[in-house]
PDB file of N, CA and C in Angstrom:
ATOM      1  N   MET A   1      33.605   5.226  29.183  1.00  0.00           N
ATOM      2  CA  MET A   1      32.914   5.362  27.920  1.00  0.00           C
ATOM      3  C   MET A   1      32.824   6.848  27.580  1.00  0.00           C
ATOM      4  N   LYS A   2      33.172   7.179  26.371  1.00  0.00           N
ATOM      5  CA  LYS A   2      33.162   8.562  25.929  1.00  0.00           C
ATOM      6  C   LYS A   2      31.757   8.940  25.452  1.00  0.00           C
ATOM      7  N   ARG A   3      31.329  10.108  25.818  1.00  0.00           N
ATOM      8  CA  ARG A   3      29.993  10.579  25.452  1.00  0.00           C
ATOM      9  C   ARG A   3      30.126  11.729  24.457  1.00  0.00           C
ATOM     10  N   TYR A   4      29.262  11.712  23.440  1.00  0.00           N
ATOM     11  CA  TYR A   4      29.284  12.781  22.450  1.00  0.00           C
ATOM     12  C   TYR A   4      28.684  14.045  23.045  1.00  0.00           C
ATOM     13  N   LYS A   5      29.300  15.172  22.761  1.00  0.00           N
ATOM     14  CA  LYS A   5      28.844  16.462  23.288  1.00  0.00           C
ATOM     15  C   LYS A   5      27.867  17.147  22.337  1.00  0.00           C
ATOM     16  N   LYS A   6      27.968  16.823  21.076  1.00  0.00           N
ATOM     17  CA  LYS A   6      27.150  17.496  20.076  1.00  0.00           C
ATOM     18  C   LYS A   6      25.720  16.961  20.104  1.00  0.00           C
ATOM     19  N   ALA A   7      24.748  17.875  20.104  1.00  0.00           N
ATOM     20  CA  ALA A   7      23.335  17.482  20.072  1.00  0.00           C
ATOM     21  C   ALA A   7      22.986  16.960  18.677  1.00  0.00           C
ATOM     22  N   VAL A   8      22.138  15.954  18.644  1.00  0.00           N
ATOM     23  CA  VAL A   8      21.750  15.334  17.377  1.00  0.00           C
ATOM     24  C   VAL A   8      20.246  15.481  17.200  1.00  0.00           C
ATOM     25  N   ASN A   9      19.851  15.887  16.009  1.00  0.00           N
ATOM     26  CA  ASN A   9      18.436  16.003  15.683  1.00  0.00           C
ATOM     27  C   ASN A   9      17.920  14.612  15.318  1.00  0.00           C
ATOM     28  N   VAL A  10      17.052  14.066  16.152  1.00  0.00           N
ATOM     29  CA  VAL A  10      16.551  12.703  15.955  1.00  0.00           C
ATOM     30  C   VAL A  10      15.787  12.588  14.642  1.00  0.00           C
ATOM     31  N   GLN A  11      15.003  13.593  14.312  1.00  0.00           N
ATOM     32  CA  GLN A  11      14.227  13.562  13.075  1.00  0.00           C
ATOM     33  C   GLN A  11      15.154  13.472  11.860  1.00  0.00           C
ATOM     34  N   GLU A  12      16.240  14.210  11.893  1.00  0.00           N
ATOM     35  CA  GLU A  12      17.193  14.177  10.783  1.00  0.00           C
ATOM     36  C   GLU A  12      17.863  12.807  10.671  1.00  0.00           C
ATOM     37  N   VAL A  13      18.195  12.220  11.801  1.00  0.00           N
ATOM     38  CA  VAL A  13      18.814  10.894  11.809  1.00  0.00           C
ATOM     39  C   VAL A  13      17.855   9.865  11.222  1.00  0.00           C
ATOM     40  N   LEU A  14      16.574   9.927  11.616  1.00  0.00           N
ATOM     41  CA  LEU A  14      15.583   8.972  11.114  1.00  0.00           C
ATOM     42  C   LEU A  14      15.351   9.122   9.618  1.00  0.00           C
ATOM     43  N   GLN A  15      15.377  10.349   9.120  1.00  0.00           N
ATOM     44  CA  GLN A  15      15.137  10.573   7.696  1.00  0.00           C
ATOM     45  C   GLN A  15      16.215   9.929   6.832  1.00  0.00           C
ATOM     46  N   HIS A  16      17.409   9.822   7.356  1.00  0.00           N
ATOM     47  CA  HIS A  16      18.523   9.302   6.565  1.00  0.00           C
ATOM     48  C   HIS A  16      18.911   7.874   6.937  1.00  0.00           C
ATOM     49  N   SER A  17      18.102   7.222   7.741  1.00  0.00           N
ATOM     50  CA  SER A  17      18.420   5.848   8.147  1.00  0.00           C
ATOM     51  C   SER A  17      17.504   4.856   7.440  1.00  0.00           C
ATOM     52  N   SER A  18      17.889   3.598   7.458  1.00  0.00           N
ATOM     53  CA  SER A  18      17.046   2.566   6.846  1.00  0.00           C
ATOM     54  C   SER A  18      15.744   2.412   7.631  1.00  0.00           C
ATOM     55  N   LEU A  19      15.788   2.596   8.941  1.00  0.00           N
ATOM     56  CA  LEU A  19      14.565   2.543   9.744  1.00  0.00           C
ATOM     57  C   LEU A  19      13.604   3.649   9.333  1.00  0.00           C
ATOM     58  N   GLY A  20      14.138   4.840   9.102  1.00  0.00           N
ATOM     59  CA  GLY A  20      13.303   5.961   8.673  1.00  0.00           C
ATOM     60  C   GLY A  20      12.655   5.704   7.327  1.00  0.00           C
ATOM     61  N   ARG A  21      13.421   5.157   6.389  1.00  0.00           N
ATOM     62  CA  ARG A  21      12.859   4.844   5.063  1.00  0.00           C
ATOM     63  C   ARG A  21      11.796   3.756   5.176  1.00  0.00           C
ATOM     64  N   PHE A  22      12.041   2.779   6.029  1.00  0.00           N
ATOM     65  CA  PHE A  22      11.080   1.704   6.255  1.00  0.00           C
ATOM     66  C   PHE A  22       9.778   2.264   6.839  1.00  0.00           C
ATOM     67  N   MET A  23       9.900   3.181   7.784  1.00  0.00           N
ATOM     68  CA  MET A  23       8.719   3.804   8.389  1.00  0.00           C
ATOM     69  C   MET A  23       7.950   4.636   7.363  1.00  0.00           C
ATOM     70  N   GLN A  24       8.658   5.375   6.523  1.00  0.00           N
ATOM     71  CA  GLN A  24       8.009   6.183   5.496  1.00  0.00           C
ATOM     72  C   GLN A  24       7.244   5.306   4.514  1.00  0.00           C
ATOM     73  N   LYS A  25       7.847   4.199   4.114  1.00  0.00           N
ATOM     74  CA  LYS A  25       7.183   3.280   3.189  1.00  0.00           C
ATOM     75  C   LYS A  25       5.942   2.680   3.842  1.00  0.00           C
ATOM     76  N   GLY A  26       6.047   2.306   5.114  1.00  0.00           N
ATOM     77  CA  GLY A  26       4.904   1.762   5.843  1.00  0.00           C
ATOM     78  C   GLY A  26       3.764   2.757   5.942  1.00  0.00           C
ATOM     79  N   LEU A  27       4.080   4.011   6.234  1.00  0.00           N
ATOM     80  CA  LEU A  27       3.050   5.048   6.312  1.00  0.00           C
ATOM     81  C   LEU A  27       2.418   5.299   4.949  1.00  0.00           C
ATOM     82  N   PHE A  28       3.242   5.284   3.894  1.00  0.00           N
ATOM     83  CA  PHE A  28       2.714   5.473   2.546  1.00  0.00           C
ATOM     84  C   PHE A  28       1.727   4.362   2.195  1.00  0.00           C
ATOM     85  N   ILE A  29       2.090   3.111   2.468  1.00  0.00           N
ATOM     86  CA  ILE A  29       1.211   1.978   2.161  1.00  0.00           C
ATOM     87  C   ILE A  29      -0.057   2.042   3.005  1.00  0.00           C
ATOM     88  N   TYR A  30       0.070   2.422   4.275  1.00  0.00           N
ATOM     89  CA  TYR A  30      -1.101   2.555   5.147  1.00  0.00           C
ATOM     90  C   TYR A  30      -2.072   3.595   4.585  1.00  0.00           C
ATOM     91  N   ASN A  31      -1.557   4.770   4.215  1.00  0.00           N
ATOM     92  CA  ASN A  31      -2.411   5.827   3.663  1.00  0.00           C
ATOM     93  C   ASN A  31      -3.005   5.420   2.320  1.00  0.00           C
ATOM     94  N   LEU A  32      -2.218   4.769   1.486  1.00  0.00           N
ATOM     95  CA  LEU A  32      -2.702   4.284   0.197  1.00  0.00           C
ATOM     96  C   LEU A  32      -3.830   3.279   0.403  1.00  0.00           C
ATOM     97  N   ASN A  33      -3.651   2.365   1.339  1.00  0.00           N
ATOM     98  CA  ASN A  33      -4.669   1.363   1.646  1.00  0.00           C
ATOM     99  C   ASN A  33      -5.963   2.035   2.110  1.00  0.00           C
ATOM    100  N   GLU A  34      -5.856   3.040   2.974  1.00  0.00           N
ATOM    101  CA  GLU A  34      -7.037   3.762   3.464  1.00  0.00           C
ATOM    102  C   GLU A  34      -7.787   4.420   2.304  1.00  0.00           C
ATOM    103  N   GLN A  35      -7.074   5.035   1.381  1.00  0.00           N
ATOM    104  CA  GLN A  35      -7.712   5.701   0.248  1.00  0.00           C
ATOM    105  C   GLN A  35      -8.345   4.696  -0.713  1.00  0.00           C
ATOM    106  N   ILE A  36      -7.677   3.581  -0.944  1.00  0.00           N
ATOM    107  CA  ILE A  36      -8.218   2.559  -1.841  1.00  0.00           C
ATOM    108  C   ILE A  36      -9.467   1.934  -1.228  1.00  0.00           C
ATOM    109  N   GLN A  37      -9.489   1.756   0.086  1.00  0.00           N
ATOM    110  CA  GLN A  37     -10.669   1.200   0.770  1.00  0.00           C
ATOM    111  C   GLN A  37     -11.904   2.060   0.490  1.00  0.00           C
ATOM    112  N   GLN A  38     -11.724   3.369   0.389  1.00  0.00           N
ATOM    113  CA  GLN A  38     -12.842   4.272   0.130  1.00  0.00           C
ATOM    114  C   GLN A  38     -13.308   4.210  -1.320  1.00  0.00           C
ATOM    115  N   VAL A  39     -12.429   3.805  -2.213  1.00  0.00           N
ATOM    116  CA  VAL A  39     -12.737   3.774  -3.644  1.00  0.00           C
ATOM    117  C   VAL A  39     -13.361   2.443  -4.068  1.00  0.00           C
ATOM    118  N   PHE A  40     -12.917   1.346  -3.469  1.00  0.00           N
ATOM    119  CA  PHE A  40     -13.415   0.020  -3.844  1.00  0.00           C
ATOM    120  C   PHE A  40     -14.831  -0.194  -3.316  1.00  0.00           C
ATOM    121  N   PRO A  41     -15.608  -1.060  -3.973  1.00  0.00           N
ATOM    122  CA  PRO A  41     -16.973  -1.354  -3.516  1.00  0.00           C
ATOM    123  C   PRO A  41     -16.984  -1.983  -2.119  1.00  0.00           C
ATOM    124  N   ASP A  42     -18.061  -1.729  -1.390  1.00  0.00           N
ATOM    125  CA  ASP A  42     -18.199  -2.257  -0.028  1.00  0.00           C
ATOM    126  C   ASP A  42     -18.258  -3.781   0.004  1.00  0.00           C
ATOM    127  N   ASP A  43     -18.617  -4.414  -1.110  1.00  0.00           N
ATOM    128  CA  ASP A  43     -18.687  -5.882  -1.168  1.00  0.00           C
ATOM    129  C   ASP A  43     -17.356  -6.534  -0.783  1.00  0.00           C
ATOM    130  N   PHE A  44     -16.266  -5.846  -1.067  1.00  0.00           N
ATOM    131  CA  PHE A  44     -14.936  -6.408  -0.834  1.00  0.00           C
ATOM    132  C   PHE A  44     -14.290  -5.904   0.461  1.00  0.00           C
ATOM    133  N   HIS A  45     -14.978  -5.047   1.186  1.00  0.00           N
ATOM    134  CA  HIS A  45     -14.395  -4.423   2.378  1.00  0.00           C
ATOM    135  C   HIS A  45     -13.921  -5.478   3.386  1.00  0.00           C
ATOM    136  N   GLY A  46     -12.675  -5.349   3.801  1.00  0.00           N
ATOM    137  CA  GLY A  46     -12.093  -6.269   4.771  1.00  0.00           C
ATOM    138  C   GLY A  46     -11.567  -7.566   4.180  1.00  0.00           C
ATOM    139  N   LEU A  47     -11.695  -7.731   2.864  1.00  0.00           N
ATOM    140  CA  LEU A  47     -11.276  -8.975   2.221  1.00  0.00           C
ATOM    141  C   LEU A  47     -10.008  -8.820   1.381  1.00  0.00           C
ATOM    142  N   TYR A  48      -9.425  -7.636   1.396  1.00  0.00           N
ATOM    143  CA  TYR A  48      -8.203  -7.371   0.640  1.00  0.00           C
ATOM    144  C   TYR A  48      -7.429  -6.272   1.352  1.00  0.00           C
ATOM    145  N   ARG A  49      -6.172  -6.127   0.966  1.00  0.00           N
ATOM    146  CA  ARG A  49      -5.375  -4.997   1.454  1.00  0.00           C
ATOM    147  C   ARG A  49      -4.274  -4.684   0.445  1.00  0.00           C
ATOM    148  N   VAL A  50      -3.922  -3.427   0.382  1.00  0.00           N
ATOM    149  CA  VAL A  50      -2.847  -2.975  -0.490  1.00  0.00           C
ATOM    150  C   VAL A  50      -1.525  -3.323   0.186  1.00  0.00           C
ATOM    151  N   ILE A  51      -0.620  -3.936  -0.575  1.00  0.00           N
ATOM    152  CA  ILE A  51       0.675  -4.309   0.007  1.00  0.00           C
ATOM    153  C   ILE A  51       1.841  -3.560  -0.630  1.00  0.00           C
ATOM    154  N   GLY A  52       1.559  -2.794  -1.685  1.00  0.00           N
ATOM    155  CA  GLY A  52       2.642  -2.021  -2.279  1.00  0.00           C
ATOM    156  C   GLY A  52       2.278  -1.425  -3.621  1.00  0.00           C
ATOM    157  N   MET A  53       3.150  -0.528  -4.073  1.00  0.00           N
ATOM    158  CA  MET A  53       2.996   0.068  -5.388  1.00  0.00           C
ATOM    159  C   MET A  53       4.398   0.285  -5.947  1.00  0.00           C
ATOM    160  N   GLU A  54       4.626  -0.258  -7.133  1.00  0.00           N
ATOM    161  CA  GLU A  54       5.942  -0.134  -7.746  1.00  0.00           C
ATOM    162  C   GLU A  54       5.798  -0.135  -9.261  1.00  0.00           C
ATOM    163  N   ASN A  55       6.459   0.803  -9.906  1.00  0.00           N
ATOM    164  CA  ASN A  55       6.460   0.912 -11.372  1.00  0.00           C
ATOM    165  C   ASN A  55       5.052   0.960 -11.954  1.00  0.00           C
ATOM    166  N   GLY A  56       4.147   1.655 -11.301  1.00  0.00           N
ATOM    167  CA  GLY A  56       2.790   1.810 -11.805  1.00  0.00           C
ATOM    168  C   GLY A  56       1.883   0.622 -11.568  1.00  0.00           C
ATOM    169  N   ILE A  57       2.344  -0.355 -10.809  1.00  0.00           N
ATOM    170  CA  ILE A  57       1.539  -1.546 -10.519  1.00  0.00           C
ATOM    171  C   ILE A  57       1.171  -1.540  -9.042  1.00  0.00           C
ATOM    172  N   LEU A  58      -0.127  -1.589  -8.770  1.00  0.00           N
ATOM    173  CA  LEU A  58      -0.631  -1.639  -7.402  1.00  0.00           C
ATOM    174  C   LEU A  58      -0.790  -3.099  -7.012  1.00  0.00           C
ATOM    175  N   SER A  59      -0.087  -3.525  -5.974  1.00  0.00           N
ATOM    176  CA  SER A  59      -0.155  -4.915  -5.506  1.00  0.00           C
ATOM    177  C   SER A  59      -1.159  -5.024  -4.373  1.00  0.00           C
ATOM    178  N   ILE A  60      -2.040  -6.016  -4.497  1.00  0.00           N
ATOM    179  CA  ILE A  60      -3.123  -6.220  -3.537  1.00  0.00           C
ATOM    180  C   ILE A  60      -3.129  -7.675  -3.102  1.00  0.00           C
ATOM    181  N   GLU A  61      -3.352  -7.905  -1.811  1.00  0.00           N
ATOM    182  CA  GLU A  61      -3.539  -9.252  -1.275  1.00  0.00           C
ATOM    183  C   GLU A  61      -5.027  -9.477  -1.062  1.00  0.00           C
ATOM    184  N   ALA A  62      -5.508 -10.618  -1.521  1.00  0.00           N
ATOM    185  CA  ALA A  62      -6.903 -11.003  -1.314  1.00  0.00           C
ATOM    186  C   ALA A  62      -6.958 -12.144  -0.310  1.00  0.00           C
ATOM    187  N   ALA A  63      -8.064 -12.208   0.431  1.00  0.00           N
ATOM    188  CA  ALA A  63      -8.208 -13.219   1.480  1.00  0.00           C
ATOM    189  C   ALA A  63      -8.321 -14.629   0.910  1.00  0.00           C
ATOM    190  N   ASN A  64      -8.909 -14.757  -0.285  1.00  0.00           N
ATOM    191  CA  ASN A  64      -9.063 -16.080  -0.893  1.00  0.00           C
ATOM    192  C   ASN A  64      -9.228 -15.934  -2.406  1.00  0.00           C
ATOM    193  N   ALA A  65      -9.309 -17.063  -3.093  1.00  0.00           N
ATOM    194  CA  ALA A  65      -9.394 -17.056  -4.559  1.00  0.00           C
ATOM    195  C   ALA A  65     -10.705 -16.461  -5.056  1.00  0.00           C
ATOM    196  N   THR A  66     -11.775 -16.609  -4.298  1.00  0.00           N
ATOM    197  CA  THR A  66     -13.066 -16.049  -4.696  1.00  0.00           C
ATOM    198  C   THR A  66     -12.999 -14.527  -4.724  1.00  0.00           C
ATOM    199  N   VAL A  67     -12.394 -13.950  -3.713  1.00  0.00           N
ATOM    200  CA  VAL A  67     -12.234 -12.488  -3.660  1.00  0.00           C
ATOM    201  C   VAL A  67     -11.330 -12.033  -4.798  1.00  0.00           C
ATOM    202  N   ARG A  68     -10.257 -12.775  -5.050  1.00  0.00           N
ATOM    203  CA  ARG A  68      -9.347 -12.428  -6.144  1.00  0.00           C
ATOM    204  C   ARG A  68     -10.093 -12.420  -7.472  1.00  0.00           C
ATOM    205  N   GLN A  69     -10.900 -13.440  -7.717  1.00  0.00           N
ATOM    206  CA  GLN A  69     -11.656 -13.506  -8.972  1.00  0.00           C
ATOM    207  C   GLN A  69     -12.645 -12.349  -9.074  1.00  0.00           C
ATOM    208  N   GLY A  70     -13.280 -12.006  -7.964  1.00  0.00           N
ATOM    209  CA  GLY A  70     -14.200 -10.865  -7.964  1.00  0.00           C
ATOM    210  C   GLY A  70     -13.489  -9.568  -8.298  1.00  0.00           C
ATOM    211  N   LEU A  71     -12.305  -9.384  -7.730  1.00  0.00           N
ATOM    212  CA  LEU A  71     -11.519  -8.183  -8.026  1.00  0.00           C
ATOM    213  C   LEU A  71     -11.048  -8.180  -9.478  1.00  0.00           C
ATOM    214  N   LEU A  72     -10.638  -9.345  -9.979  1.00  0.00           N
ATOM    215  CA  LEU A  72     -10.212  -9.434 -11.377  1.00  0.00           C
ATOM    216  C   LEU A  72     -11.373  -9.166 -12.331  1.00  0.00           C
ATOM    217  N   PHE A  73     -12.558  -9.629 -11.971  1.00  0.00           N
ATOM    218  CA  PHE A  73     -13.740  -9.414 -12.797  1.00  0.00           C
ATOM    219  C   PHE A  73     -14.048  -7.918 -12.925  1.00  0.00           C
ATOM    220  N   LYS A  74     -13.814  -7.167 -11.856  1.00  0.00           N
ATOM    221  CA  LYS A  74     -14.089  -5.725 -11.852  1.00  0.00           C
ATOM    222  C   LYS A  74     -12.820  -4.894 -12.042  1.00  0.00           C
ATOM    223  N   GLN A  75     -11.770  -5.506 -12.515  1.00  0.00           N
ATOM    224  CA  GLN A  75     -10.466  -4.852 -12.596  1.00  0.00           C
ATOM    225  C   GLN A  75     -10.496  -3.530 -13.367  1.00  0.00           C
ATOM    226  N   GLN A  76     -11.128  -3.486 -14.514  1.00  0.00           N
ATOM    227  CA  GLN A  76     -11.146  -2.254 -15.310  1.00  0.00           C
ATOM    228  C   GLN A  76     -11.896  -1.135 -14.597  1.00  0.00           C
ATOM    229  N   GLU A  77     -13.018  -1.475 -13.977  1.00  0.00           N
ATOM    230  CA  GLU A  77     -13.786  -0.485 -13.213  1.00  0.00           C
ATOM    231  C   GLU A  77     -12.968   0.029 -12.023  1.00  0.00           C
ATOM    232  N   LEU A  78     -12.297  -0.883 -11.330  1.00  0.00           N
ATOM    233  CA  LEU A  78     -11.488  -0.504 -10.174  1.00  0.00           C
ATOM    234  C   LEU A  78     -10.311   0.372 -10.596  1.00  0.00           C
ATOM    235  N   LEU A  79      -9.677   0.021 -11.705  1.00  0.00           N
ATOM    236  CA  LEU A  79      -8.564   0.832 -12.208  1.00  0.00           C
ATOM    237  C   LEU A  79      -9.023   2.241 -12.562  1.00  0.00           C
ATOM    238  N   ALA A  80     -10.205   2.355 -13.155  1.00  0.00           N
ATOM    239  CA  ALA A  80     -10.741   3.676 -13.493  1.00  0.00           C
ATOM    240  C   ALA A  80     -10.963   4.502 -12.227  1.00  0.00           C
ATOM    241  N   ARG A  81     -11.467   3.877 -11.169  1.00  0.00           N
ATOM    242  CA  ARG A  81     -11.679   4.581  -9.896  1.00  0.00           C
ATOM    243  C   ARG A  81     -10.348   4.990  -9.268  1.00  0.00           C
ATOM    244  N   ILE A  82      -9.390   4.082  -9.301  1.00  0.00           N
ATOM    245  CA  ILE A  82      -8.075   4.358  -8.712  1.00  0.00           C
ATOM    246  C   ILE A  82      -7.374   5.483  -9.467  1.00  0.00           C
ATOM    247  N   ASN A  83      -7.512   5.499 -10.797  1.00  0.00           N
ATOM    248  CA  ASN A  83      -6.826   6.500 -11.612  1.00  0.00           C
ATOM    249  C   ASN A  83      -7.288   7.920 -11.330  1.00  0.00           C
ATOM    250  N   LYS A  84      -8.459   8.072 -10.745  1.00  0.00           N
ATOM    251  CA  LYS A  84      -8.908   9.414 -10.358  1.00  0.00           C
ATOM    252  C   LYS A  84      -8.022   9.968  -9.242  1.00  0.00           C
ATOM    253  N   LEU A  85      -7.537   9.100  -8.364  1.00  0.00           N
ATOM    254  CA  LEU A  85      -6.653   9.512  -7.265  1.00  0.00           C
ATOM    255  C   LEU A  85      -5.177   9.370  -7.624  1.00  0.00           C
ATOM    256  N   TYR A  86      -4.863   8.283  -8.309  1.00  0.00           N
ATOM    257  CA  TYR A  86      -3.473   7.951  -8.642  1.00  0.00           C
ATOM    258  C   TYR A  86      -3.363   7.637 -10.134  1.00  0.00           C
ATOM    259  N   PRO A  87      -3.226   8.656 -10.977  1.00  0.00           N
ATOM    260  CA  PRO A  87      -3.156   8.411 -12.423  1.00  0.00           C
ATOM    261  C   PRO A  87      -1.926   7.609 -12.850  1.00  0.00           C
ATOM    262  N   GLN A  88      -0.911   7.526 -11.994  1.00  0.00           N
ATOM    263  CA  GLN A  88       0.306   6.788 -12.348  1.00  0.00           C
ATOM    264  C   GLN A  88       0.128   5.274 -12.261  1.00  0.00           C
ATOM    265  N   ILE A  89      -0.963   4.803 -11.650  1.00  0.00           N
ATOM    266  CA  ILE A  89      -1.203   3.359 -11.542  1.00  0.00           C
ATOM    267  C   ILE A  89      -1.822   2.863 -12.843  1.00  0.00           C
ATOM    268  N   SER A  90      -1.168   1.890 -13.465  1.00  0.00           N
ATOM    269  CA  SER A  90      -1.630   1.394 -14.759  1.00  0.00           C
ATOM    270  C   SER A  90      -2.121  -0.049 -14.711  1.00  0.00           C
ATOM    271  N   ALA A  91      -1.848  -0.760 -13.612  1.00  0.00           N
ATOM    272  CA  ALA A  91      -2.247  -2.167 -13.530  1.00  0.00           C
ATOM    273  C   ALA A  91      -2.401  -2.584 -12.075  1.00  0.00           C
ATOM    274  N   LEU A  92      -3.156  -3.671 -11.890  1.00  0.00           N
ATOM    275  CA  LEU A  92      -3.330  -4.267 -10.568  1.00  0.00           C
ATOM    276  C   LEU A  92      -2.684  -5.644 -10.565  1.00  0.00           C
ATOM    277  N   ASN A  93      -2.010  -5.972  -9.484  1.00  0.00           N
ATOM    278  CA  ASN A  93      -1.439  -7.297  -9.281  1.00  0.00           C
ATOM    279  C   ASN A  93      -2.112  -7.855  -8.033  1.00  0.00           C
ATOM    280  N   ILE A  94      -3.002  -8.819  -8.214  1.00  0.00           N
ATOM    281  CA  ILE A  94      -3.798  -9.338  -7.102  1.00  0.00           C
ATOM    282  C   ILE A  94      -3.336 -10.750  -6.776  1.00  0.00           C
ATOM    283  N   LYS A  95      -2.911 -10.938  -5.530  1.00  0.00           N
ATOM    284  CA  LYS A  95      -2.407 -12.232  -5.072  1.00  0.00           C
ATOM    285  C   LYS A  95      -3.282 -12.735  -3.937  1.00  0.00           C
ATOM    286  N   VAL A  96      -3.372 -14.050  -3.816  1.00  0.00           N
ATOM    287  CA  VAL A  96      -4.098 -14.665  -2.704  1.00  0.00           C
ATOM    288  C   VAL A  96      -3.110 -14.911  -1.571  1.00  0.00           C
ATOM    289  N   ASN A  97      -3.512 -14.535  -0.367  1.00  0.00           N
ATOM    290  CA  ASN A  97      -2.714 -14.818   0.828  1.00  0.00           C
ATOM    291  C   ASN A  97      -3.612 -15.547   1.817  1.00  0.00           C
ATOM    292  N   PRO A  98      -3.513 -16.865   1.914  1.00  0.00           N
ATOM    293  CA  PRO A  98      -4.374 -17.631   2.817  1.00  0.00           C
ATOM    294  C   PRO A  98      -4.208 -17.232   4.280  1.00  0.00           C
ATOM    295  N   ALA A  99      -3.068 -16.664   4.636  1.00  0.00           N
ATOM    296  CA  ALA A  99      -2.828 -16.243   6.018  1.00  0.00           C
ATOM    297  C   ALA A  99      -3.383 -14.854   6.298  1.00  0.00           C
ATOM    298  N   PHE A 100      -4.124 -14.308   5.358  1.00  0.00           N
ATOM    299  CA  PHE A 100      -4.699 -12.969   5.470  1.00  0.00           C
ATOM    300  C   PHE A 100      -5.536 -12.921   6.710  1.00  0.00           C
TER     301      PHE A 100
END
């Protein structure tokens, strides 16, 4: 088996690989979720999580339909709070995930 002699920078390889992009997206969502947790009311703590952000829409999973309705009821207030940190977010997409 032939072995490569040239040293490879692992960080550079990860930055340009699909695994690296996947890790970056995961870290972004994790950090976004942490920041949103601080902005949302404590009433909902642990009952939702951010699952993504695309084209100005923040996607959120709720534990059940009651939590979803509560978030929808306060949607404008929540959007105003979120816009202080992320002005590019223009809408919320809240889905129920029973397996939450």
